């Protein structure tokens, strides 16, 4: 969440509220005070994603094996000093925060548009100042940490609240995050992940006690301070007038230049003069601007109260516990919901509990080009599969399929081109086509046996319209090959713009990646960055997250690790295969002159093409002319073993943008992909160096 202006205040105007700490010494002191348990650091994972993603390349869809190494380095550093880590992820978006989520998604759309502008103009990845985390990073990080045997928790409500509450109730050493809400909660110490020096294991600890002493407030006043400064519960426009009044009273007229620095102190000074009571809170409420029928400040203050806490600013009515929509369910439905809830909390499934409990799901921004009307957004491509997943989860009522009088719908908050997120899309659930009908969740989730496992596989395939091809797909080895073929067939069927060169690139990188060490992948250099390849990479990675959701809904026919991107995808490897494929590279070179890889590639490609033809989709060749003349680029196998080569840097050659200066955008609420509309327009300008700050696009 975060409190507006508070981070800047404690960093620059109130240095006494922070101090550098050595985590090894801090752990020793905590162990001495709590000899019965090891020191536990609660990690706000969503706040750490940017610092965890250390690979240099980020625009190509994700350097997933490099990312896994980064995570292992992080974990090992704390294990070496016997600090136990517990990771928390956002599991839901509460309704009172939906408007903030929407605002951030729309802002991110602008940032992503600027990234694609830069790529088209310069032919290389922007500098780190335009960094955007790869699509799906939060989803897959949960499973990455689970695969390492680490405690990973997905929240049932606001994650900040659950983190603060968990840390306090369990006597944890500290919270690692970058969110000033942890200065407001009455919980354990708050440590900065942005200031963390992993090699030295030192960081900055913020002190709410020191902050209160400097501001002449009590700790029970901090929630009101957060509300009057504005946060995700109390919008800035509601309190802006009051903040200006506080400044006018606190500062002489000739000191207005210091307003930004003094606003926190001015608001704190105002609070110190108010009666610390519910009547005092109502007095403050009359001075803010809002149209809500309920007391906005009361809601905001109550939000910061952890289990068993109260506030002098609130009436003694207590805080009603949150409830699930179906908490009073009985019989089979109750056991199903409980199973889904447990899997959700343990971060072992995806989407399922949110669909069952609230019929509402969301998906954040994807690195895709909204001006490229040839390629549809991933949210549109995967909607039919999601509808089948919803059908598996929702069409059963009291043991009867199709008993509902009306088709169940799910509210989807998905970011895609043309969607301003003014309201959710109401997406109907659909039953997948299976002989004998869709199996119930009791069978899929809570029953064992060989026949049930086969049923899970077939139901999974039915989510992607491939149930008729189970005998051809399921015998494939390893299991990642089944998932890979399922995804590539589905994408090819749904997006008619996918051509044979695209399919070859997808498949070749997935086959070649299996035995490549992380260091080899890290050394790959991409000769130029193509915006269409960036879009296709994100489309593939988002598809893996849909496979994960289907696997959860169908009772886990696959091990989750078989669906993870580090098993089948590397962004730079895919980008080079894409450029090679569209450049007319031979199959031998594309498969790095390795006969074993070539045979496997041809086998899988033949199967994919065969199934697509039987589904009335013939995949055509359509090489992109603008990647045909790559200078200074040696094809794989020209030297070194297995194509281990260094590609020319993008700044060594001029880039010709294939994109026209104007595009027709998506039309309507449910956009359909338009025809290809690409013409070569030579810009004749030399791209900037990798870290050069873009001149035409604002930093945001």
Foldseek 3Di string as FASTA:
>chain_A
DAFPLPVVQCVPVNVVQKDKDFVLVLQVVLCVVVVPDGAEEEEAVVQCLVVLQPFQDALLQAQVVVSLVSVVLLVVLCVVSRYAYAYEYALDEDPLLVVVQLVVQVVVVQLLQVQLVQQLQAQAGAACLSDDHHFCSRLQVLVSCVVVVGHYFHDPYPRVQVSQQVCAVVVHSEYEGDHCLNLLAPGHWYWYPVQQDSVRNMTMIGHNVSVCVVLVHDSLCSLLLSQLSNDSLRHCQFNVQVLVVLCPVPDPPVPCVCSSNCSSSSVSVVVVPFDQALVSLVVVQVVTDDDDPDRSSVVSSVVSAHPPDDHRNDPPPDDDDDDWQCCVDDDPLNVLLVVVVVCNGSSNAPDQNCCQGPLEDEGGDHSAHQQQLLWFALCQLLLLLVLQLSQQRPQADPNDGNPDPDFQWGFYHYDTFPDSCPGTDTRGRDHFDDVVGRDHQCLQAVDDDPVSLVSLVLSLLSSLPRSVCCVPQVVDPPPLLSVLLSLLLSSCLRRVSDAPLLSLLQLLQQLQLQPDDSVLLSQEAAQGDDNVSSNVSRSSQVSLSSSRNSCRSRRNSDDNVSSRCSNGDGSSSSRNSSLCSLQVHDLCLSNLVDPVSSVVSVVSVVVSQVVCVVVVRHHHDDRDVQSNDRPQADTANPDDHSRRDYGHHNQVDGHWRFADPHGDGADDDNGDRDHRDTHTDGPPDRRDDRHDDDDPDDRD
